Structures are given as C-alpha cells and as structure tokens.
C-alpha cells in the first residue's frame, strides 16, 4: 500500500542512518520499526496490582463487645432509632 507520511527530521535521519548501516531499503527499515513500535504503543500497559496493608483497628478505649446494645447506644447515641 502506498501512503504519504511526514516524518520528523530526527526520525527520518535515524531511519536513513539505520538503513545505510544495515544495507536495507529505507522503507523496509521504517516498516520494521513501525511494526515493533506499534506493538508497544497499542498494547495497554500492565496494571500494577493494588495492595493495602491490613491494620487492626480494634475498639476505642472504653468500648466493649460484651454488650452490643450498650456499644450501639454509646456509638450512635441514645436517641438513634
């Protein structure tokens, strides 16, 4: 397929230098570079797993789990319905 593509001067120079060094045609070097680069650009980056460090919260001082009604009354207030 024939297409017109505008390359930045530094990219074009690097591709021409690479083609001369490898002894390959310019378009072959550009196509190879595009294939390799498109794989990287189009692939989504691997998500890092989200980690949290567990921490014991416990009960505040003065609270007890022995009497749930009292615990609820103290934490929510006596008038809470």
Protein backbone atom coordinates (compact mmCIF):
# COMPACT_ATOMS: atom_id res chain seq x y z
CA UNK A 1 0.00 0.00 0.00
CA UNK A 2 1.32 3.42 -0.88
CA UNK A 3 0.79 6.26 1.59
CA UNK A 4 2.31 9.66 2.21
CA UNK A 5 3.80 10.02 5.66
CA UNK A 6 5.55 13.03 7.17
CA UNK A 7 8.43 12.09 9.45
CA UNK A 8 10.11 14.41 11.90
CA UNK A 9 13.62 15.28 10.70
CA UNK A 10 15.34 13.41 13.55
CA UNK A 11 13.26 10.26 12.91
CA UNK A 12 13.95 10.36 9.17
CA UNK A 13 17.68 10.83 9.78
CA UNK A 14 17.77 7.93 12.22
CA UNK A 15 15.89 5.67 9.78
CA UNK A 16 18.18 6.62 6.87
CA UNK A 17 21.26 6.03 9.02
CA UNK A 18 19.88 2.65 10.13
CA UNK A 19 19.07 1.66 6.54
CA UNK A 20 22.59 2.51 5.42
CA UNK A 21 24.12 0.66 8.36
CA UNK A 22 22.01 -2.47 7.76
CA UNK A 23 22.26 -2.28 3.96
CA UNK A 24 18.46 -2.48 3.70
CA UNK A 25 16.00 -0.24 1.88
CA UNK A 26 14.67 2.78 3.77
CA UNK A 27 11.04 1.61 3.54
CA UNK A 28 11.93 -1.83 4.96
CA UNK A 29 13.63 -0.25 7.98
CA UNK A 30 10.66 2.10 8.53
CA UNK A 31 8.14 -0.76 8.22
CA UNK A 32 10.11 -2.94 10.65
CA UNK A 33 10.39 -0.09 13.13
CA UNK A 34 6.66 0.68 12.83
CA UNK A 35 5.71 -2.95 13.40
CA UNK A 36 7.85 -3.15 16.53
CA UNK A 37 6.78 0.28 17.78
CA UNK A 38 3.06 -0.22 17.15
CA UNK A 39 3.07 -3.37 19.28
CA UNK A 40 4.39 -1.34 22.19
CA UNK A 41 2.24 1.75 21.59
CA UNK A 42 -1.05 -0.10 21.08
CA UNK A 43 -0.64 -2.62 23.90
CA UNK A 44 -2.09 -1.37 27.17
CA UNK A 45 0.43 -1.15 29.99
CA UNK A 46 0.23 -3.92 32.55
CA UNK A 47 -1.68 -2.73 35.59
CA UNK A 48 0.17 -2.94 38.85
CA UNK A 49 -1.79 -4.82 41.48
CA UNK A 50 -3.20 -2.55 44.16
CA UNK A 51 -2.15 -3.61 47.62
CA UNK A 52 -3.22 -2.37 51.01
CA UNK A 53 -1.62 -3.15 54.30
CA UNK A 54 -4.10 -4.51 56.85
CA UNK A 55 -4.19 -2.82 60.18
CA UNK A 56 -6.03 -3.82 63.32
CA UNK A 57 -8.48 -1.09 64.20
CA UNK A 58 -9.94 -2.68 67.31
CA UNK A 59 -12.36 -0.82 69.53
CA UNK A 60 -11.74 2.58 71.02
CA UNK A 61 -10.78 2.60 74.64
CA UNK A 62 -13.82 2.29 76.93
CA UNK A 63 -15.89 0.29 74.42
CA UNK A 64 -16.58 -3.42 74.79
CA UNK A 65 -18.09 -6.08 72.52
CA UNK A 66 -19.64 -7.86 75.51
CA UNK A 67 -22.84 -5.78 75.42
CA UNK A 68 -23.82 -4.90 71.83
CA UNK A 69 -26.80 -2.76 72.90
CA UNK A 70 -24.59 -0.60 75.08
CA UNK A 71 -21.96 -0.38 72.33
CA UNK A 72 -24.56 0.79 69.78
CA UNK A 73 -26.06 3.25 72.24
CA UNK A 74 -22.65 4.77 73.01
CA UNK A 75 -21.50 4.93 69.40
CA UNK A 76 -24.77 6.12 67.81
CA UNK A 77 -26.31 7.96 70.73
CA UNK A 78 -29.30 7.05 72.90
CA UNK A 79 -31.81 8.84 70.63
CA UNK A 80 -30.76 7.00 67.48
CA UNK A 81 -33.65 4.98 66.04
